[in-house]
C-alpha cells in the first residue's frame, strides 16, 4: 500500500486518526500527515488545523501539541484571537492576515494592546501582529470628502508606526461593497481631491513603508507626483512596488523607468499595462536585482481610467523578449493581451531559459491558441540539460529534458474556453 493510500485509509477512520495523532509530538509531522489526506475525509477539527496553517500563517508547531483537539473542534477563523479555548496561541509572534474590518474590531475587543488603526484610516485587508500589538500592513481608502487635517492625522500615524512596512493606497471612491470574503468593492466616478495628493506623498515619505501598492487616482499624472515616487524609491530600502490603473505621461515615463532600474533593493515589481511606462521600462534589460515581475491588464476603477486600462502590449512581444534576457527573475507573470501565438512562444522560450526561474504564468492568451503544439515547440527550442520537464495540456503529457525545472503543469482551457485560454506555467524544482 502506498503512503497516499495509507493516508486515505487513516482519514476515513476518525477514531484511528485521533489515536495516531495522540502519539505525534510535532506539529510539522501532524501537518504533513493531514496534508496527505483528502480534505473531504477529514473532520472539521483537522480541516480547521489545515486552514489555520494555510490561511492564517500559523506555524504547525504553534498549533500542536499546544492546542488540543477540543480547541479546534470548530472552524475557528478569526475566532482564534477571541475564543478562550485558544488563548495558548495569543502570544504567537506572527503576522495575521485580516480580510475584513469587522474581524479586526472583534479581535481588538479582546486584545486591547493592539493599536486602533481603523480610527486613523487604516483598513483591511491588513496584517497585524497581535502579540506585539502592531499593524504590519494596511489598506488606505482615500476619501473624496477628506480634509487636510485628515491627511495630517494619517501622516502622523504612519510616521509613528515603525512596524507598518506595507501599504495599499486606493484612490478611487468605493460606491458600495458586496459582502463577500474578501469584500468586493464597486467604485464610483467621484475623485479623491488632487489638491491633497502632495500631502499623501509627504505622508508616505515620512513613513517606514517599503512595500507600496498604488491603485487609481492621479498621483503619477503630474511631474511632481512622479518626482515624489522617485524620491520615495531613493530614500529607503524599497522591496515591492505595485502600480495599477495609474497614468504616467510620456515625458515622465523614462525618468520613472530609470528610477525603477536604479532602485537596487527592489525585488518585486507589478505594473499594469499603460501607454508609456511599461514600454519605457521594457526598453532596456531588466535590472539584475529584480526577482519577481508581473505585467498585467488593470481593471478600470473609474470612468476616467478607461484609456489607461485599455492599453496593452499591442503586439510588441519583442520588448518582453529582449527585456527578460539575462534577468535573474525567479517569478514572471504576464497577461498576453493582444499578443499572437508567435510572441507568446518567443516570450515563453526566453523566460524558460532563465537559470533562476521557478514560476512562469502567462494568462489571457488568444482564443484558439494551441498550448500543446506551442509548448512542444518551446521545449524543443530550449533543450540543453538533463532535467525533465513534464507538460500537461488538454490531457496530453509531454516530457523533454530541460534546464531550470523538473515539473511543468500548465492549466489550459484552450478551445473549451469561450473567451480566452489560459496558459499557466508552474515550475517546481524538486532537485
Protein backbone atom coordinates (compact mmCIF):
# COMPACT_ATOMS: atom_id res chain seq x y z
CA UNK A 1 0.00 0.00 0.00
CA UNK A 2 1.38 3.42 -0.94
CA UNK A 3 1.67 6.29 1.53
CA UNK A 4 -1.18 8.10 -0.25
CA UNK A 5 -3.43 5.04 0.07
CA UNK A 6 -2.49 4.72 3.74
CA UNK A 7 -3.45 8.36 4.32
CA UNK A 8 -6.85 7.75 2.71
CA UNK A 9 -7.49 4.76 4.97
CA UNK A 10 -6.45 6.69 8.09
CA UNK A 11 -8.55 9.75 7.23
CA UNK A 12 -11.62 7.63 6.57
CA UNK A 13 -11.50 6.30 10.15
CA UNK A 14 -11.71 9.33 12.50
CA UNK A 15 -11.04 7.37 15.69
CA UNK A 16 -7.97 5.73 14.13
CA UNK A 17 -6.68 9.15 13.08
CA UNK A 18 -7.22 10.59 16.56
CA UNK A 19 -5.39 7.63 18.11
CA UNK A 20 -2.42 8.06 15.77
CA UNK A 21 -2.32 11.82 16.33
CA UNK A 22 -2.19 11.32 20.09
CA UNK A 23 1.29 9.84 19.59
CA UNK A 24 2.51 12.73 17.39
CA UNK A 25 4.51 15.26 19.36
CA UNK A 26 5.44 17.57 16.47
CA UNK A 27 3.09 19.95 14.68
CA UNK A 28 5.09 19.73 11.47
CA UNK A 29 4.66 15.95 11.38
CA UNK A 30 0.92 16.28 12.02
CA UNK A 31 0.64 18.84 9.22
CA UNK A 32 2.42 16.50 6.79
CA UNK A 33 0.06 13.66 7.71
CA UNK A 34 -3.11 15.73 7.37
CA UNK A 35 -1.89 17.36 4.18
CA UNK A 36 -1.56 13.92 2.59
CA UNK A 37 -5.21 13.13 3.35
CA UNK A 38 -8.17 14.06 1.21
CA UNK A 39 -9.83 17.12 2.80
CA UNK A 40 -13.33 15.69 2.39
CA UNK A 41 -12.37 12.69 4.54
CA UNK A 42 -11.18 14.85 7.44
CA UNK A 43 -13.49 16.05 10.18
CA UNK A 44 -13.95 19.75 10.98
CA UNK A 45 -11.17 19.77 13.57
CA UNK A 46 -8.44 18.69 11.20
CA UNK A 47 -9.75 20.89 8.39
CA UNK A 48 -9.57 23.75 10.85
CA UNK A 49 -5.94 22.87 11.62
CA UNK A 50 -5.02 22.95 7.92
CA UNK A 51 -6.94 26.18 7.40
CA UNK A 52 -5.14 27.92 10.26
CA UNK A 53 -1.79 26.93 8.78
CA UNK A 54 -2.67 27.85 5.19
CA UNK A 55 -4.81 30.96 5.61
CA UNK A 56 -3.62 32.42 8.90
CA UNK A 57 0.07 31.54 8.54
CA UNK A 58 0.16 29.89 11.94
CA UNK A 59 3.20 27.61 12.27
CA UNK A 60 2.15 23.97 12.82
CA UNK A 61 4.40 23.81 15.88
CA UNK A 62 2.42 26.69 17.46
CA UNK A 63 -0.81 24.76 16.94
CA UNK A 64 0.20 21.27 18.04
CA UNK A 65 0.53 19.94 20.68
CA UNK A 66 -0.10 23.36 22.28
CA UNK A 67 -3.69 23.43 21.02
CA UNK A 68 -5.50 20.16 21.56
CA UNK A 69 -8.32 18.54 19.60
CA UNK A 70 -11.23 20.03 21.54
CA UNK A 71 -9.98 23.59 20.98
CA UNK A 72 -10.07 23.03 17.23
CA UNK A 73 -13.40 21.26 17.06
CA UNK A 74 -14.97 24.12 15.08
CA UNK A 75 -13.88 26.19 12.08
CA UNK A 76 -12.12 28.86 14.09
CA UNK A 77 -11.24 31.53 11.52
CA UNK A 78 -10.72 34.91 13.19
CA UNK A 79 -12.11 33.43 16.44
CA UNK A 80 -8.60 32.10 17.05
CA UNK A 81 -7.98 35.52 18.60
CA UNK A 82 -11.22 35.75 20.59
CA UNK A 83 -12.08 32.21 21.72
CA UNK A 84 -10.88 31.46 25.27
CA UNK A 85 -10.07 27.88 24.20
CA UNK A 86 -7.28 29.22 22.00
CA UNK A 87 -5.55 31.53 24.48
CA UNK A 88 -2.38 29.48 24.17
CA UNK A 89 -1.94 30.96 20.68
CA UNK A 90 -2.40 34.58 21.60
CA UNK A 91 1.28 35.11 22.28
CA UNK A 92 2.38 33.83 18.86
CA UNK A 93 4.76 36.35 17.30
CA UNK A 94 3.30 36.17 13.79
CA UNK A 95 1.61 38.50 11.32
CA UNK A 96 -2.02 37.52 10.87
CA UNK A 97 -3.98 38.45 7.75
CA UNK A 98 -7.40 40.06 8.26
CA UNK A 99 -9.75 40.36 5.29
CA UNK A 100 -12.48 42.47 6.90
CA UNK A 101 -12.64 45.41 9.31
CA UNK A 102 -15.29 43.67 11.42
CA UNK A 103 -12.90 40.82 12.25
CA UNK A 104 -10.31 43.39 13.33
CA UNK A 105 -12.90 45.08 15.57
CA UNK A 106 -13.82 41.73 17.13
CA UNK A 107 -10.17 40.92 17.76
CA UNK A 108 -9.46 44.34 19.34
CA UNK A 109 -12.31 43.94 21.82
CA UNK A 110 -10.27 41.10 23.31
CA UNK A 111 -6.74 42.34 22.63
CA UNK A 112 -6.67 45.87 24.00
CA UNK A 113 -2.95 46.16 23.28
CA UNK A 114 -3.50 46.27 19.50
CA UNK A 115 -3.25 49.76 18.01
CA UNK A 116 -6.57 51.25 16.87
CA UNK A 117 -5.53 51.75 13.26
CA UNK A 118 -9.08 51.99 11.93
CA UNK A 119 -9.63 55.29 13.78
CA UNK A 120 -6.85 56.91 11.72
CA UNK A 121 -7.85 55.37 8.39
CA UNK A 122 -6.01 52.05 8.33
CA UNK A 123 -8.31 49.42 6.87
CA UNK A 124 -8.45 45.74 5.93
CA UNK A 125 -7.10 43.87 4.10
CA UNK A 126 -4.33 44.15 6.66
CA UNK A 127 -1.81 42.14 8.64
CA UNK A 128 -1.46 42.58 12.39
CA UNK A 129 0.99 41.14 14.89
CA UNK A 130 -1.30 40.64 17.86
CA UNK A 131 1.41 39.64 20.34
CA UNK A 132 3.22 42.94 19.70
CA UNK A 133 0.01 44.91 19.16
CA UNK A 134 1.16 46.45 15.88
CA UNK A 135 -0.07 46.63 12.31
CA UNK A 136 2.45 45.45 9.70
CA UNK A 137 0.36 46.22 6.60
CA UNK A 138 -2.88 48.01 5.82
CA UNK A 139 -5.07 49.49 3.10
CA UNK A 140 -5.77 53.22 2.81
CA UNK A 141 -9.06 54.03 1.10
CA UNK A 142 -8.67 57.75 0.40
CA UNK A 143 -12.00 59.56 0.74
CA UNK A 144 -13.34 62.26 -1.58
CA UNK A 145 -14.54 64.18 1.49
CA UNK A 146 -11.10 64.05 3.16
CA UNK A 147 -9.62 67.28 4.51
CA UNK A 148 -6.06 68.45 5.02
CA UNK A 149 -6.49 67.72 8.73
CA UNK A 150 -7.48 64.11 7.96
CA UNK A 151 -4.34 63.59 5.89
CA UNK A 152 -2.21 65.24 8.58
CA UNK A 153 -3.57 62.78 11.17
CA UNK A 154 -2.88 59.92 8.77
CA UNK A 155 0.68 61.17 8.19
CA UNK A 156 1.36 61.35 11.93
CA UNK A 157 0.06 57.81 12.42
CA UNK A 158 2.18 56.45 9.57
CA UNK A 159 5.31 58.22 10.80
CA UNK A 160 4.95 56.74 14.29
CA UNK A 161 4.27 53.18 13.06
CA UNK A 162 7.73 51.71 12.58
CA UNK A 163 6.32 48.20 12.08
CA UNK A 164 3.95 49.26 9.29
CA UNK A 165 6.01 48.35 6.22
CA UNK A 166 3.40 47.63 3.52
CA UNK A 167 0.57 49.94 2.44
CA UNK A 168 -2.03 49.82 -0.34
CA UNK A 169 -3.26 53.28 -1.39
CA UNK A 170 -6.67 53.10 -3.08
CA UNK A 171 -7.60 56.47 -4.59
CA UNK A 172 -10.86 55.57 -6.42
CA UNK A 173 -14.00 56.04 -4.35
CA UNK A 174 -15.93 52.98 -3.21
CA UNK A 175 -19.60 53.39 -4.18
CA UNK A 176 -20.70 50.27 -2.33
CA UNK A 177 -19.29 47.00 -1.04
CA UNK A 178 -20.52 43.49 -1.77
CA UNK A 179 -20.16 41.44 1.40
CA UNK A 180 -18.13 38.56 0.08
CA UNK A 181 -14.99 37.08 1.63
CA UNK A 182 -12.92 39.10 0.97
CA UNK A 183 -15.30 42.02 0.35
CA UNK A 184 -15.67 43.19 -3.27
CA UNK A 185 -15.77 46.94 -3.83
CA UNK A 186 -17.63 48.74 -6.62
CA UNK A 187 -16.08 52.10 -7.45
CA UNK A 188 -17.81 55.35 -8.44
CA UNK A 189 -16.66 58.30 -10.53
CA UNK A 190 -16.05 60.74 -7.65
CA UNK A 191 -12.35 61.59 -7.29
CA UNK A 192 -10.06 62.00 -4.30
CA UNK A 193 -9.14 65.72 -4.26
CA UNK A 194 -5.97 66.19 -6.38
CA UNK A 195 -5.05 69.12 -4.13
CA UNK A 196 -4.44 66.66 -1.27
CA UNK A 197 -2.23 64.27 -3.24
CA UNK A 198 1.03 66.11 -2.36
CA UNK A 199 0.13 65.70 1.33
CA UNK A 200 -0.36 61.96 0.82
CA UNK A 201 3.06 61.75 -0.83
CA UNK A 202 4.60 63.61 2.12
CA UNK A 203 2.93 61.14 4.47
CA UNK A 204 4.42 58.20 2.55
CA UNK A 205 7.85 59.84 2.52
CA UNK A 206 7.72 60.28 6.30
CA UNK A 207 6.58 56.68 6.84
CA UNK A 208 8.55 53.44 7.19
CA UNK A 209 6.76 51.85 4.22
CA UNK A 210 8.93 49.78 1.85
CA UNK A 211 6.11 47.94 0.06
CA UNK A 212 3.68 50.21 -1.80
CA UNK A 213 0.60 49.34 -3.82
CA UNK A 214 -0.89 52.32 -5.67
CA UNK A 215 -4.27 51.89 -7.35
CA UNK A 216 -6.01 54.54 -9.46
CA UNK A 217 -6.10 58.27 -8.97
CA UNK A 218 -3.87 60.93 -10.49
CA UNK A 219 -0.89 60.50 -8.17
CA UNK A 220 1.51 59.99 -11.09
CA UNK A 221 -0.29 62.13 -13.67
CA UNK A 222 1.96 65.12 -12.96
CA UNK A 223 5.73 65.52 -12.99
CA UNK A 224 5.59 66.49 -9.31
CA UNK A 225 3.87 63.20 -8.44
CA UNK A 226 6.44 61.18 -10.37
CA UNK A 227 9.25 63.07 -8.62
CA UNK A 228 7.69 62.17 -5.26
CA UNK A 229 7.62 58.48 -6.17
CA UNK A 230 11.22 58.64 -7.38
CA UNK A 231 12.14 60.30 -4.07
CA UNK A 232 10.35 57.50 -2.18
CA UNK A 233 12.25 54.89 -4.21
CA UNK A 234 15.60 56.52 -3.49
CA UNK A 235 15.25 57.19 0.25
CA UNK A 236 14.50 53.73 1.67
CA UNK A 237 15.18 50.02 1.04
CA UNK A 238 12.09 49.54 -1.15
CA UNK A 239 11.18 45.87 -1.56
CA UNK A 240 8.00 45.93 -3.65
CA UNK A 241 6.01 48.31 -5.86
CA UNK A 242 2.61 47.71 -7.47
CA UNK A 243 1.10 50.26 -9.90
CA UNK A 244 -2.42 49.63 -11.19
CA UNK A 245 -4.66 51.93 -13.23
CA UNK A 246 -2.24 54.85 -12.96
CA UNK A 247 -1.32 57.33 -15.69
CA UNK A 248 2.29 58.35 -16.28
CA UNK A 249 2.95 60.80 -19.10
CA UNK A 250 5.43 60.09 -21.88
CA UNK A 251 7.59 62.94 -20.56
CA UNK A 252 7.92 61.35 -17.10
CA UNK A 253 7.87 57.65 -18.04
CA UNK A 254 11.57 57.46 -18.92
CA UNK A 255 12.65 59.06 -15.64
CA UNK A 256 10.47 56.72 -13.57
CA UNK A 257 11.64 53.66 -15.53
CA UNK A 258 15.24 54.66 -14.82
CA UNK A 259 14.47 55.10 -11.12
CA UNK A 260 12.94 51.61 -11.01
CA UNK A 261 16.07 50.13 -12.56
CA UNK A 262 18.31 52.08 -10.18
CA UNK A 263 16.47 51.00 -7.01
CA UNK A 264 18.79 48.13 -6.14
CA UNK A 265 16.70 46.89 -3.20
CA UNK A 266 13.56 46.46 -5.34
CA UNK A 267 12.80 42.74 -5.51
CA UNK A 268 9.18 42.64 -6.70
CA UNK A 269 7.53 44.85 -9.34
CA UNK A 270 3.95 44.71 -10.62
CA UNK A 271 2.99 47.07 -13.45
CA UNK A 272 -0.40 47.47 -15.08
CA UNK A 273 -0.16 47.99 -18.82
CA UNK A 274 -0.21 51.63 -19.91
CA UNK A 275 0.85 53.63 -22.95
CA UNK A 276 4.22 54.87 -21.76
CA UNK A 277 5.68 53.49 -18.50
CA UNK A 278 5.67 49.76 -19.30
CA UNK A 279 7.21 50.24 -22.79
CA UNK A 280 9.83 52.57 -21.27
CA UNK A 281 10.71 50.05 -18.55
CA UNK A 282 10.92 47.16 -21.04
CA UNK A 283 13.04 49.15 -23.48
CA UNK A 284 16.17 48.07 -21.57
CA UNK A 285 17.23 44.78 -19.96
CA UNK A 286 15.63 44.06 -16.59
CA UNK A 287 17.82 45.00 -13.62
CA UNK A 288 19.69 42.09 -12.08
CA UNK A 289 18.31 42.79 -8.60
CA UNK A 290 14.68 42.22 -9.65
CA UNK A 291 13.35 38.79 -8.65
CA UNK A 292 9.62 38.96 -9.39
CA UNK A 293 7.94 40.75 -12.28
CA UNK A 294 4.23 40.87 -13.09
CA UNK A 295 2.78 42.66 -16.13
CA UNK A 296 -0.99 42.77 -16.17
CA UNK A 297 -4.06 44.47 -17.56
CA UNK A 298 -5.54 46.78 -14.92
CA UNK A 299 -9.20 46.79 -14.03
CA UNK A 300 -10.82 50.23 -14.52
CA UNK A 301 -11.64 51.87 -11.20
CA UNK A 302 -13.48 54.90 -12.60
CA UNK A 303 -14.88 56.16 -15.92
CA UNK A 304 -11.80 58.37 -16.15
CA UNK A 305 -9.46 55.38 -16.29
CA UNK A 306 -10.79 53.64 -19.40
CA UNK A 307 -7.98 54.95 -21.61
CA UNK A 308 -5.36 53.63 -19.20
CA UNK A 309 -6.83 50.18 -18.68
CA UNK A 310 -7.43 49.60 -22.40
CA UNK A 311 -3.67 49.74 -23.01
CA UNK A 312 -1.70 46.57 -23.70
CA UNK A 313 1.48 45.48 -25.48
CA UNK A 314 -0.12 45.93 -28.92
CA UNK A 315 1.83 43.07 -30.45
CA UNK A 316 5.19 44.29 -29.11
CA UNK A 317 6.24 40.95 -27.68
CA UNK A 318 9.83 41.57 -28.71
CA UNK A 319 10.04 44.19 -25.94
CA UNK A 320 9.46 41.48 -23.34
CA UNK A 321 11.81 39.00 -25.03
CA UNK A 322 14.69 41.50 -25.07
CA UNK A 323 13.99 42.76 -21.55
CA UNK A 324 13.95 39.37 -19.80
CA UNK A 325 17.11 38.08 -21.46
CA UNK A 326 19.83 37.54 -18.81
CA UNK A 327 17.44 38.57 -16.00
CA UNK A 328 17.66 36.97 -12.56
CA UNK A 329 13.91 36.52 -12.17
CA UNK A 330 12.53 33.72 -10.02
CA UNK A 331 8.89 34.59 -10.81
CA UNK A 332 7.48 36.02 -14.03
CA UNK A 333 3.79 36.59 -14.73
CA UNK A 334 2.12 38.44 -17.57
CA UNK A 335 -1.17 38.89 -19.39
CA UNK A 336 -0.65 38.04 -23.06
CA UNK A 337 -3.00 40.84 -24.02
CA UNK A 338 -3.09 41.41 -27.79
CA UNK A 339 -0.09 39.14 -28.41
CA UNK A 340 -0.21 36.45 -31.06
CA UNK A 341 0.91 32.83 -30.63
CA UNK A 342 4.37 33.53 -32.05
CA UNK A 343 5.05 36.26 -29.50
CA UNK A 344 3.78 34.06 -26.66
CA UNK A 345 6.09 31.21 -27.65
CA UNK A 346 9.08 33.56 -28.01
CA UNK A 347 8.42 35.08 -24.58
CA UNK A 348 7.97 31.64 -23.01
CA UNK A 349 11.21 30.45 -24.58
CA UNK A 350 13.15 33.46 -23.34
CA UNK A 351 11.73 33.14 -19.83
CA UNK A 352 12.29 29.39 -19.58
CA UNK A 353 15.99 29.93 -20.30
CA UNK A 354 16.41 32.00 -17.15
CA UNK A 355 18.52 29.94 -14.71
CA UNK A 356 16.72 31.08 -11.54
CA UNK A 357 13.13 30.95 -12.77
CA UNK A 358 10.81 28.86 -10.58
CA UNK A 359 7.40 30.18 -11.66
CA UNK A 360 6.10 31.32 -15.04
CA UNK A 361 2.49 32.36 -15.60
CA UNK A 362 1.22 33.59 -18.99
CA UNK A 363 -2.52 34.22 -18.95
CA UNK A 364 -5.22 35.70 -21.20
CA UNK A 365 -3.82 34.07 -24.31
CA UNK A 366 -5.78 34.46 -27.58
CA UNK A 367 -8.66 32.16 -28.41
CA UNK A 368 -7.58 29.10 -30.34
CA UNK A 369 -4.02 29.21 -29.01
CA UNK A 370 -2.75 25.61 -29.12
CA UNK A 371 -0.90 25.06 -25.88
CA UNK A 372 0.22 21.53 -26.70
CA UNK A 373 1.80 22.36 -30.06
CA UNK A 374 3.32 25.60 -28.82
CA UNK A 375 4.82 24.03 -25.72
CA UNK A 376 6.27 21.24 -27.84
CA UNK A 377 7.99 23.86 -29.96
CA UNK A 378 9.12 25.81 -26.92
CA UNK A 379 10.68 22.80 -25.26
CA UNK A 380 12.39 21.67 -28.46
CA UNK A 381 13.99 25.10 -28.66
CA UNK A 382 15.22 25.09 -25.03
CA UNK A 383 16.65 21.60 -24.59
CA UNK A 384 20.14 21.83 -23.12
CA UNK A 385 20.30 19.86 -19.87
CA UNK A 386 19.40 16.56 -18.27
CA UNK A 387 16.48 17.55 -16.05
CA UNK A 388 12.97 16.59 -17.13
CA UNK A 389 10.18 18.99 -17.99
CA UNK A 390 6.71 17.44 -17.87
CA UNK A 391 3.83 19.25 -19.51
CA UNK A 392 0.13 18.50 -19.21
CA UNK A 393 -2.16 20.33 -21.64
CA UNK A 394 -5.68 19.29 -22.62
CA UNK A 395 -4.96 15.78 -21.40
CA UNK A 396 -1.71 15.36 -23.34
CA UNK A 397 1.53 14.74 -21.47
CA UNK A 398 4.87 15.75 -22.92
CA UNK A 399 8.30 15.14 -21.41
CA UNK A 400 11.55 16.71 -22.51
CA UNK A 401 14.98 17.37 -20.98
CA UNK A 402 15.10 20.94 -19.71
CA UNK A 403 17.43 23.19 -17.76
CA UNK A 404 15.71 25.07 -14.96
CA UNK A 405 12.82 22.90 -13.80
CA UNK A 406 11.72 19.35 -13.22
CA UNK A 407 7.96 19.83 -13.48
CA UNK A 408 5.74 22.00 -15.65
CA UNK A 409 1.98 21.80 -15.39
CA UNK A 410 0.03 24.41 -17.37
CA UNK A 411 -3.70 24.65 -16.80
CA UNK A 412 -5.03 25.22 -20.30
CA UNK A 413 -8.65 25.61 -21.31
CA UNK A 414 -7.83 26.13 -24.98
CA UNK A 415 -10.85 25.92 -27.28
CA UNK A 416 -13.08 24.88 -24.36
CA UNK A 417 -12.97 28.45 -23.07
CA UNK A 418 -15.44 30.76 -24.82
CA UNK A 419 -13.40 33.86 -24.15
CA UNK A 420 -9.71 33.20 -23.78
CA UNK A 421 -7.48 30.26 -23.00
CA UNK A 422 -5.18 30.27 -20.02
CA UNK A 423 -1.59 29.21 -20.19
CA UNK A 424 -0.30 28.86 -16.67
CA UNK A 425 3.18 27.57 -16.04
CA UNK A 426 4.07 26.46 -12.53
CA UNK A 427 7.63 25.21 -12.23
CA UNK A 428 8.77 23.36 -9.13
CA UNK A 429 12.39 22.29 -8.73
CA UNK A 430 12.39 19.15 -6.63
CA UNK A 431 16.08 18.50 -7.07
